[in-house]
Each structure stands twice: as C-alpha cells, then as structure tokens.
Amino acid sequence: MSIFSKKDKKVEKVLKPQIKVVAKEKIVPAKHLSSIVSVLKKPWVSEKATNLGKHNQYVFLVDKRSNKNEVKEEIRRRYGVEVTSVNTVRKQGKVKRYRNFLSRQELTKKAIVTLKAGQKLEIV
C-alpha cells in the first residue's frame, strides 16, 4: 500500500444548482414618493408656528426627500383644502458630544403651507 500511488478517480459529474433570476427591485425616484410613504409626518407645534395660523399658514414636519408639489398634493388629498403656496426649510442636524463620543442629530425638513383665504385646518 503506497501513500503516493495514483488511483483512477472516477470524476462524478456535479450538477450545478439551477439559479432563478429574480428581477431586482426598482429604485423609485423621489417624484413617486407619495405613493410609497406618507409625505407628511406630523404637524409642527411651536409658538412661532401657532402665530403663523393668524396668517392662514400651517407648519408640518415632512419627509426629507419630498418636494413642494408632493406636500401640496398630500395636504389637498388629506385635508381637502386648497393650497396657494408651500415653503420648505431644511435644518441640518447638530453635532452633539457626550464625553468622548460625537453624534449627529438627524436632518429635518419643515413645510410652511399657505391656504386659500377663508379655509382653515383643524389640527389636533
């Protein structure tokens, strides 16, 4: 019995597993965001936002990927009011420090919505 002897090895044909090709998920552009997630997150309640109510303006926290047209359509669809203009404000997250650790708060986006004269929103 030799250790290094050559033996006839039978080569077995190994079948490759069949791979099913699954289509990749489509990346949806931001203009179709309203069909996936809600653009409006919540009303922004602060002293300054409350004072804007006198001028028929309301402030909402919105998704950071949304644009003015999506916000306008979401307000019209959800509350049934006519929007005359939408202004957006992006607030960068602050860098916070706790001992030796640095962290950054999340970016937020607010939308100031102006309604047509004579219309109101009941925000609870």
C-alpha atoms as a PDB file:
ATOM      1  CA  MET A   1       0.000   0.000   0.000  1.00  0.00           C
ATOM      2  CA  SER A   2       1.643   3.127  -1.089  1.00  0.00           C
ATOM      3  CA  ILE A   3       0.771   6.557   0.076  1.00  0.00           C
ATOM      4  CA  PHE A   4       1.571   8.316  -3.141  1.00  0.00           C
ATOM      5  CA  SER A   5       0.125   5.861  -5.591  1.00  0.00           C
ATOM      6  CA  LYS A   6      -2.048   7.110  -8.368  1.00  0.00           C
ATOM      7  CA  LYS A   7      -5.509   5.717  -8.364  1.00  0.00           C
ATOM      8  CA  ASP A   8      -8.073   6.095 -11.029  1.00  0.00           C
ATOM      9  CA  LYS A   9     -10.552   8.511  -9.582  1.00  0.00           C
ATOM     10  CA  LYS A  10     -13.937   8.496 -11.062  1.00  0.00           C
ATOM     11  CA  VAL A  11     -14.952  12.016 -11.871  1.00  0.00           C
ATOM     12  CA  GLU A  12     -18.521  12.425 -10.972  1.00  0.00           C
ATOM     13  CA  LYS A  13     -20.473  14.923 -12.900  1.00  0.00           C
ATOM     14  CA  VAL A  14     -21.670  17.519 -10.469  1.00  0.00           C
ATOM     15  CA  LEU A  15     -24.849  19.224 -11.435  1.00  0.00           C
ATOM     16  CA  LYS A  16     -24.895  22.922 -10.824  1.00  0.00           C
ATOM     17  CA  PRO A  17     -27.903  24.076  -8.902  1.00  0.00           C
ATOM     18  CA  GLN A  18     -30.402  25.883 -11.035  1.00  0.00           C
ATOM     19  CA  ILE A  19     -30.442  29.570 -10.284  1.00  0.00           C
ATOM     20  CA  LYS A  20     -33.605  31.506 -10.755  1.00  0.00           C
ATOM     21  CA  VAL A  21     -33.104  35.026 -11.940  1.00  0.00           C
ATOM     22  CA  VAL A  22     -35.249  37.366  -9.901  1.00  0.00           C
ATOM     23  CA  ALA A  23     -35.786  40.890 -11.143  1.00  0.00           C
ATOM     24  CA  LYS A  24     -34.149  43.495  -8.973  1.00  0.00           C
ATOM     25  CA  GLU A  25     -36.386  45.886  -7.109  1.00  0.00           C
ATOM     26  CA  LYS A  26     -36.884  49.127  -8.900  1.00  0.00           C
ATOM     27  CA  ILE A  27     -35.497  52.217  -7.271  1.00  0.00           C
ATOM     28  CA  VAL A  28     -38.372  54.653  -7.235  1.00  0.00           C
ATOM     29  CA  PRO A  29     -37.479  58.272  -7.926  1.00  0.00           C
ATOM     30  CA  ALA A  30     -38.466  60.909  -5.378  1.00  0.00           C
ATOM     31  CA  LYS A  31     -41.341  62.206  -7.501  1.00  0.00           C
ATOM     32  CA  HIS A  32     -43.263  58.992  -6.762  1.00  0.00           C
ATOM     33  CA  LEU A  33     -42.551  59.150  -3.040  1.00  0.00           C
ATOM     34  CA  SER A  34     -46.143  59.906  -2.054  1.00  0.00           C
ATOM     35  CA  SER A  35     -47.327  56.514  -3.326  1.00  0.00           C
ATOM     36  CA  ILE A  36     -44.845  54.690  -1.069  1.00  0.00           C
ATOM     37  CA  VAL A  37     -44.783  56.583   2.206  1.00  0.00           C
ATOM     38  CA  SER A  38     -46.686  59.462   3.649  1.00  0.00           C
ATOM     39  CA  VAL A  39     -45.009  62.766   2.858  1.00  0.00           C
ATOM     40  CA  LEU A  40     -46.429  64.445   5.976  1.00  0.00           C
ATOM     41  CA  LYS A  41     -45.020  63.157   9.237  1.00  0.00           C
ATOM     42  CA  LYS A  42     -46.751  65.395  11.764  1.00  0.00           C
ATOM     43  CA  PRO A  43     -47.820  68.990  12.388  1.00  0.00           C
ATOM     44  CA  TRP A  44     -45.066  71.177  13.826  1.00  0.00           C
ATOM     45  CA  VAL A  45     -46.389  72.780  17.000  1.00  0.00           C
ATOM     46  CA  SER A  46     -44.407  75.684  18.406  1.00  0.00           C
ATOM     47  CA  GLU A  47     -45.101  79.247  19.457  1.00  0.00           C
ATOM     48  CA  LYS A  48     -43.917  80.634  16.146  1.00  0.00           C
ATOM     49  CA  ALA A  49     -45.908  78.066  14.142  1.00  0.00           C
ATOM     50  CA  THR A  50     -49.026  78.864  16.153  1.00  0.00           C
ATOM     51  CA  ASN A  51     -48.667  82.575  15.403  1.00  0.00           C
ATOM     52  CA  LEU A  52     -48.469  81.786  11.670  1.00  0.00           C
ATOM     53  CA  GLY A  53     -52.026  80.420  11.942  1.00  0.00           C
ATOM     54  CA  LYS A  54     -53.263  84.020  12.055  1.00  0.00           C
ATOM     55  CA  HIS A  55     -51.910  84.483   8.525  1.00  0.00           C
ATOM     56  CA  ASN A  56     -53.549  81.268   7.264  1.00  0.00           C
ATOM     57  CA  GLN A  57     -50.228  79.385   7.325  1.00  0.00           C
ATOM     58  CA  TYR A  58     -49.565  75.984   8.889  1.00  0.00           C
ATOM     59  CA  VAL A  59     -46.266  74.192   9.541  1.00  0.00           C
ATOM     60  CA  PHE A  60     -45.686  70.451   9.038  1.00  0.00           C
ATOM     61  CA  LEU A  61     -42.701  68.174   9.534  1.00  0.00           C
ATOM     62  CA  VAL A  62     -42.262  66.392   6.183  1.00  0.00           C
ATOM     63  CA  ASP A  63     -40.096  63.648   4.716  1.00  0.00           C
ATOM     64  CA  LYS A  64     -36.642  64.955   3.836  1.00  0.00           C
ATOM     65  CA  ARG A  65     -36.882  63.591   0.263  1.00  0.00           C
ATOM     66  CA  SER A  66     -40.207  65.252  -0.542  1.00  0.00           C
ATOM     67  CA  ASN A  67     -40.664  68.328  -2.689  1.00  0.00           C
ATOM     68  CA  LYS A  68     -43.172  71.193  -2.654  1.00  0.00           C
ATOM     69  CA  ASN A  69     -45.543  69.632  -5.185  1.00  0.00           C
ATOM     70  CA  GLU A  70     -45.788  66.394  -3.201  1.00  0.00           C
ATOM     71  CA  VAL A  71     -46.510  68.319   0.005  1.00  0.00           C
ATOM     72  CA  LYS A  72     -49.178  70.384  -1.768  1.00  0.00           C
ATOM     73  CA  GLU A  73     -50.922  67.283  -3.154  1.00  0.00           C
ATOM     74  CA  GLU A  74     -50.764  65.473   0.203  1.00  0.00           C
ATOM     75  CA  ILE A  75     -52.368  68.431   2.046  1.00  0.00           C
ATOM     76  CA  ARG A  76     -55.079  68.708  -0.621  1.00  0.00           C
ATOM     77  CA  ARG A  77     -55.785  64.971  -0.509  1.00  0.00           C
ATOM     78  CA  ARG A  78     -55.672  64.550   3.271  1.00  0.00           C
ATOM     79  CA  TYR A  79     -57.441  67.707   4.462  1.00  0.00           C
ATOM     80  CA  GLY A  80     -59.487  68.717   1.390  1.00  0.00           C
ATOM     81  CA  VAL A  81     -58.283  72.338   1.295  1.00  0.00           C
ATOM     82  CA  GLU A  82     -56.735  74.423  -1.467  1.00  0.00           C
ATOM     83  CA  VAL A  83     -53.066  75.307  -1.007  1.00  0.00           C
ATOM     84  CA  THR A  84     -51.763  78.539  -2.529  1.00  0.00           C
ATOM     85  CA  SER A  85     -48.058  78.137  -1.705  1.00  0.00           C
ATOM     86  CA  VAL A  86     -45.569  75.882   0.059  1.00  0.00           C
ATOM     87  CA  ASN A  87     -42.231  76.995   1.502  1.00  0.00           C
ATOM     88  CA  THR A  88     -39.735  74.418   2.724  1.00  0.00           C
ATOM     89  CA  VAL A  89     -36.927  74.716   5.264  1.00  0.00           C
ATOM     90  CA  ARG A  90     -34.169  72.126   5.769  1.00  0.00           C
ATOM     91  CA  LYS A  91     -32.493  72.066   9.167  1.00  0.00           C
ATOM     92  CA  GLN A  92     -29.136  70.312   9.374  1.00  0.00           C
ATOM     93  CA  GLY A  93     -28.643  68.068  12.385  1.00  0.00           C
ATOM     94  CA  LYS A  94     -26.470  69.445  15.182  1.00  0.00           C
ATOM     95  CA  VAL A  95     -23.322  67.677  16.283  1.00  0.00           C
ATOM     96  CA  LYS A  96     -23.699  66.601  19.900  1.00  0.00           C
ATOM     97  CA  ARG A  97     -20.926  65.471  22.215  1.00  0.00           C
ATOM     98  CA  TYR A  98     -21.203  63.157  25.174  1.00  0.00           C
ATOM     99  CA  ARG A  99     -17.843  62.562  26.832  1.00  0.00           C
ATOM    100  CA  ASN A 100     -15.594  61.227  24.092  1.00  0.00           C
ATOM    101  CA  PHE A 101     -18.373  60.367  21.661  1.00  0.00           C
ATOM    102  CA  LEU A 102     -19.666  62.561  18.868  1.00  0.00           C
ATOM    103  CA  SER A 103     -23.030  62.043  17.251  1.00  0.00           C
ATOM    104  CA  ARG A 104     -25.158  63.976  14.804  1.00  0.00           C
ATOM    105  CA  GLN A 105     -28.860  64.642  15.061  1.00  0.00           C
ATOM    106  CA  GLU A 106     -30.981  63.775  12.050  1.00  0.00           C
ATOM    107  CA  LEU A 107     -31.722  66.293   9.302  1.00  0.00           C
ATOM    108  CA  THR A 108     -35.295  67.612   9.463  1.00  0.00           C
ATOM    109  CA  LYS A 109     -37.436  69.312   6.866  1.00  0.00           C
ATOM    110  CA  LYS A 110     -40.384  71.587   7.573  1.00  0.00           C
ATOM    111  CA  ALA A 111     -43.026  72.814   5.142  1.00  0.00           C
ATOM    112  CA  ILE A 112     -44.888  76.088   5.702  1.00  0.00           C
ATOM    113  CA  VAL A 113     -48.204  75.730   3.881  1.00  0.00           C
ATOM    114  CA  THR A 114     -50.325  78.777   2.975  1.00  0.00           C
ATOM    115  CA  LEU A 115     -54.007  78.082   2.420  1.00  0.00           C
ATOM    116  CA  LYS A 116     -56.535  79.926   0.298  1.00  0.00           C
ATOM    117  CA  ALA A 117     -58.319  82.766   2.134  1.00  0.00           C
ATOM    118  CA  GLY A 118     -61.265  81.575   4.197  1.00  0.00           C
ATOM    119  CA  GLN A 119     -60.033  77.990   4.661  1.00  0.00           C
ATOM    120  CA  LYS A 120     -58.764  76.511   7.924  1.00  0.00           C
ATOM    121  CA  LEU A 121     -57.192  73.292   9.180  1.00  0.00           C
ATOM    122  CA  GLU A 122     -58.240  71.604  12.386  1.00  0.00           C
ATOM    123  CA  ILE A 123     -55.001  70.140  13.739  1.00  0.00           C
ATOM    124  CA  VAL A 124     -55.459  68.038  16.834  1.00  0.00           C
END
